Amino acid sequence: MFAKGIVWEHNSHVGDARATDMAIGGVVNVSQLLREEKGAETVFIIGFGTHRGTVIAADEWGVAPEQMLIPPAQTGSWEEAMHKADPHDKFVHFPKHNRLLFQKPVEHRFIGVVYNPAYE
């Protein structure tokens, strides 16, 4: 029997760390661990992002969280592309038949427990 679960995580945790700069430093995340344990074909990920707004986070580990302003998304990022397409909710699907269209790396925000706009 195969159990199912839902994990709600910051965007920095739901993408597979092996496809990011985190892998260079040997960092793993929840999505990578789930894909390694259960197989990539059994893990379905829904991420979210924002063009601008606010977030409750700390600017470094061990510091008290605070409400921070999220500046407008950088040019060329996923957040900017989605905002330009339509500033409202949308769904982007990457099934097997169109994955080859999305092989080029695209910048995105890294908002988690720690957020520092200088690292975008």
C-alpha atoms as a PDB file:
ATOM      1  CA  MET A   1       0.000   0.000   0.000  1.00  0.00           C
ATOM      2  CA  PHE A   2       1.300   3.451  -0.908  1.00  0.00           C
ATOM      3  CA  ALA A   3       0.533   6.304   1.478  1.00  0.00           C
ATOM      4  CA  LYS A   4      -0.151   9.797   0.152  1.00  0.00           C
ATOM      5  CA  GLY A   5       0.728  13.056   1.803  1.00  0.00           C
ATOM      6  CA  ILE A   6       0.739  16.769   1.231  1.00  0.00           C
ATOM      7  CA  VAL A   7       3.711  18.884   2.270  1.00  0.00           C
ATOM      8  CA  TRP A   8       3.295  22.666   2.364  1.00  0.00           C
ATOM      9  CA  GLU A   9       6.720  24.298   2.157  1.00  0.00           C
ATOM     10  CA  HIS A  10       8.397  27.555   1.207  1.00  0.00           C
ATOM     11  CA  ASN A  11       9.362  27.741  -2.471  1.00  0.00           C
ATOM     12  CA  SER A  12      12.996  27.190  -1.487  1.00  0.00           C
ATOM     13  CA  HIS A  13      12.061  23.690  -0.275  1.00  0.00           C
ATOM     14  CA  VAL A  14       9.672  22.378  -2.935  1.00  0.00           C
ATOM     15  CA  GLY A  15      11.972  22.597  -5.953  1.00  0.00           C
ATOM     16  CA  ASP A  16      14.484  19.776  -6.256  1.00  0.00           C
ATOM     17  CA  ALA A  17      17.766  21.059  -4.751  1.00  0.00           C
ATOM     18  CA  ARG A  18      19.753  19.054  -7.331  1.00  0.00           C
ATOM     19  CA  ALA A  19      18.506  21.473 -10.018  1.00  0.00           C
ATOM     20  CA  THR A  20      19.692  24.572  -8.126  1.00  0.00           C
ATOM     21  CA  ASP A  21      22.824  26.196  -6.772  1.00  0.00           C
ATOM     22  CA  MET A  22      22.070  24.497  -3.450  1.00  0.00           C
ATOM     23  CA  ALA A  23      23.547  21.274  -4.866  1.00  0.00           C
ATOM     24  CA  ILE A  24      26.981  22.912  -5.195  1.00  0.00           C
ATOM     25  CA  GLY A  25      27.081  23.347  -1.424  1.00  0.00           C
ATOM     26  CA  GLY A  26      25.772  19.843  -0.755  1.00  0.00           C
ATOM     27  CA  VAL A  27      22.421  21.181   0.491  1.00  0.00           C
ATOM     28  CA  VAL A  28      19.336  18.971   0.088  1.00  0.00           C
ATOM     29  CA  ASN A  29      15.672  19.862   0.538  1.00  0.00           C
ATOM     30  CA  VAL A  30      12.314  18.183   1.073  1.00  0.00           C
ATOM     31  CA  SER A  31      11.505  17.724  -2.621  1.00  0.00           C
ATOM     32  CA  GLN A  32      14.852  16.109  -3.387  1.00  0.00           C
ATOM     33  CA  LEU A  33      14.490  13.715  -0.455  1.00  0.00           C
ATOM     34  CA  LEU A  34      10.947  12.752  -1.474  1.00  0.00           C
ATOM     35  CA  ARG A  35      11.957  12.179  -5.096  1.00  0.00           C
ATOM     36  CA  GLU A  36      14.910  10.039  -4.060  1.00  0.00           C
ATOM     37  CA  GLU A  37      12.793   7.998  -1.628  1.00  0.00           C
ATOM     38  CA  LYS A  38       9.527   7.661  -3.575  1.00  0.00           C
ATOM     39  CA  GLY A  39      10.648   8.256  -7.188  1.00  0.00           C
ATOM     40  CA  ALA A  40      10.288  11.432  -9.229  1.00  0.00           C
ATOM     41  CA  GLU A  41       7.201  10.110 -11.029  1.00  0.00           C
ATOM     42  CA  THR A  42       5.249   9.905  -7.755  1.00  0.00           C
ATOM     43  CA  VAL A  43       5.983  13.434  -6.484  1.00  0.00           C
ATOM     44  CA  PHE A  44       3.736  16.271  -7.663  1.00  0.00           C
ATOM     45  CA  ILE A  45       4.802  19.775  -6.684  1.00  0.00           C
ATOM     46  CA  ILE A  46       2.785  22.966  -6.608  1.00  0.00           C
ATOM     47  CA  GLY A  47       4.877  26.071  -6.055  1.00  0.00           C
ATOM     48  CA  PHE A  48       3.922  29.684  -5.635  1.00  0.00           C
ATOM     49  CA  GLY A  49       5.620  33.016  -5.991  1.00  0.00           C
ATOM     50  CA  THR A  50       4.957  36.710  -6.067  1.00  0.00           C
ATOM     51  CA  HIS A  51       5.925  39.705  -8.147  1.00  0.00           C
ATOM     52  CA  ARG A  52       6.072  41.985  -5.095  1.00  0.00           C
ATOM     53  CA  GLY A  53       4.523  42.361  -1.645  1.00  0.00           C
ATOM     54  CA  THR A  54       5.557  41.532   1.898  1.00  0.00           C
ATOM     55  CA  VAL A  55       6.810  38.486   3.766  1.00  0.00           C
ATOM     56  CA  ILE A  56       7.454  37.570   7.394  1.00  0.00           C
ATOM     57  CA  ALA A  57      11.066  36.348   7.438  1.00  0.00           C
ATOM     58  CA  ALA A  58      14.499  37.016   8.895  1.00  0.00           C
ATOM     59  CA  ASP A  59      17.357  38.483   6.898  1.00  0.00           C
ATOM     60  CA  GLU A  60      19.721  35.820   8.274  1.00  0.00           C
ATOM     61  CA  TRP A  61      19.584  32.627  10.377  1.00  0.00           C
ATOM     62  CA  GLY A  62      19.138  33.159  14.103  1.00  0.00           C
ATOM     63  CA  VAL A  63      17.642  36.639  13.776  1.00  0.00           C
ATOM     64  CA  ALA A  64      14.059  37.450  14.794  1.00  0.00           C
ATOM     65  CA  PRO A  65      11.626  37.472  11.856  1.00  0.00           C
ATOM     66  CA  GLU A  66      10.035  40.718  10.748  1.00  0.00           C
ATOM     67  CA  GLN A  67       7.722  41.936   8.031  1.00  0.00           C
ATOM     68  CA  MET A  68       9.843  42.737   4.976  1.00  0.00           C
ATOM     69  CA  LEU A  69       9.025  44.458   1.725  1.00  0.00           C
ATOM     70  CA  ILE A  70       9.491  42.276  -1.351  1.00  0.00           C
ATOM     71  CA  PRO A  71      10.595  44.540  -4.228  1.00  0.00           C
ATOM     72  CA  PRO A  72       9.255  44.049  -7.765  1.00  0.00           C
ATOM     73  CA  ALA A  73      10.611  40.907  -9.441  1.00  0.00           C
ATOM     74  CA  GLN A  74      13.843  41.051 -11.376  1.00  0.00           C
ATOM     75  CA  THR A  75      13.816  41.258 -15.152  1.00  0.00           C
ATOM     76  CA  GLY A  76      13.850  37.802 -16.717  1.00  0.00           C
ATOM     77  CA  SER A  77      12.629  35.950 -13.619  1.00  0.00           C
ATOM     78  CA  TRP A  78       9.668  33.564 -13.418  1.00  0.00           C
ATOM     79  CA  GLU A  79       7.878  36.077 -11.200  1.00  0.00           C
ATOM     80  CA  GLU A  80       8.266  38.853 -13.770  1.00  0.00           C
ATOM     81  CA  ALA A  81       7.173  36.590 -16.634  1.00  0.00           C
ATOM     82  CA  MET A  82       4.040  35.465 -14.774  1.00  0.00           C
ATOM     83  CA  HIS A  83       3.197  39.051 -13.785  1.00  0.00           C
ATOM     84  CA  LYS A  84       3.595  40.266 -17.387  1.00  0.00           C
ATOM     85  CA  ALA A  85       1.406  37.421 -18.653  1.00  0.00           C
ATOM     86  CA  ASP A  86      -1.378  38.425 -16.249  1.00  0.00           C
ATOM     87  CA  PRO A  87      -1.034  39.751 -12.695  1.00  0.00           C
ATOM     88  CA  HIS A  88      -3.676  37.313 -11.405  1.00  0.00           C
ATOM     89  CA  ASP A  89      -3.478  33.631 -10.418  1.00  0.00           C
ATOM     90  CA  LYS A  90      -2.285  31.216 -13.075  1.00  0.00           C
ATOM     91  CA  PHE A  91      -1.243  27.624 -13.533  1.00  0.00           C
ATOM     92  CA  VAL A  92       1.854  26.478 -15.454  1.00  0.00           C
ATOM     93  CA  HIS A  93       2.004  22.773 -16.198  1.00  0.00           C
ATOM     94  CA  PHE A  94       5.152  20.865 -17.220  1.00  0.00           C
ATOM     95  CA  PRO A  95       3.971  17.458 -18.492  1.00  0.00           C
ATOM     96  CA  LYS A  96       6.310  15.080 -20.322  1.00  0.00           C
ATOM     97  CA  HIS A  97       5.379  16.393 -23.789  1.00  0.00           C
ATOM     98  CA  ASN A  98       6.531  19.986 -23.121  1.00  0.00           C
ATOM     99  CA  ARG A  99       9.424  19.555 -20.663  1.00  0.00           C
ATOM    100  CA  LEU A 100      12.024  20.026 -23.401  1.00  0.00           C
ATOM    101  CA  LEU A 101      10.695  23.561 -23.902  1.00  0.00           C
ATOM    102  CA  PHE A 102      11.738  24.417 -20.340  1.00  0.00           C
ATOM    103  CA  GLN A 103      15.349  23.223 -20.159  1.00  0.00           C
ATOM    104  CA  LYS A 104      16.963  26.669 -19.942  1.00  0.00           C
ATOM    105  CA  PRO A 105      17.490  27.894 -16.352  1.00  0.00           C
ATOM    106  CA  VAL A 106      15.255  30.799 -15.309  1.00  0.00           C
ATOM    107  CA  GLU A 107      15.927  32.931 -12.246  1.00  0.00           C
ATOM    108  CA  HIS A 108      13.367  32.912  -9.441  1.00  0.00           C
ATOM    109  CA  ARG A 109      12.975  34.269  -5.952  1.00  0.00           C
ATOM    110  CA  PHE A 110      14.328  32.329  -3.014  1.00  0.00           C
ATOM    111  CA  ILE A 111      11.957  33.226  -0.202  1.00  0.00           C
ATOM    112  CA  GLY A 112      11.959  31.057   2.885  1.00  0.00           C
ATOM    113  CA  VAL A 113      12.457  31.456   6.611  1.00  0.00           C
ATOM    114  CA  VAL A 114      15.368  33.680   5.615  1.00  0.00           C
ATOM    115  CA  TYR A 115      14.912  36.299   2.898  1.00  0.00           C
ATOM    116  CA  ASN A 116      17.426  38.844   1.704  1.00  0.00           C
ATOM    117  CA  PRO A 117      16.571  40.808  -1.473  1.00  0.00           C
ATOM    118  CA  ALA A 118      20.312  41.364  -2.071  1.00  0.00           C
ATOM    119  CA  TYR A 119      20.607  37.671  -3.002  1.00  0.00           C
ATOM    120  CA  GLU A 120      17.926  37.696  -5.696  1.00  0.00           C
END
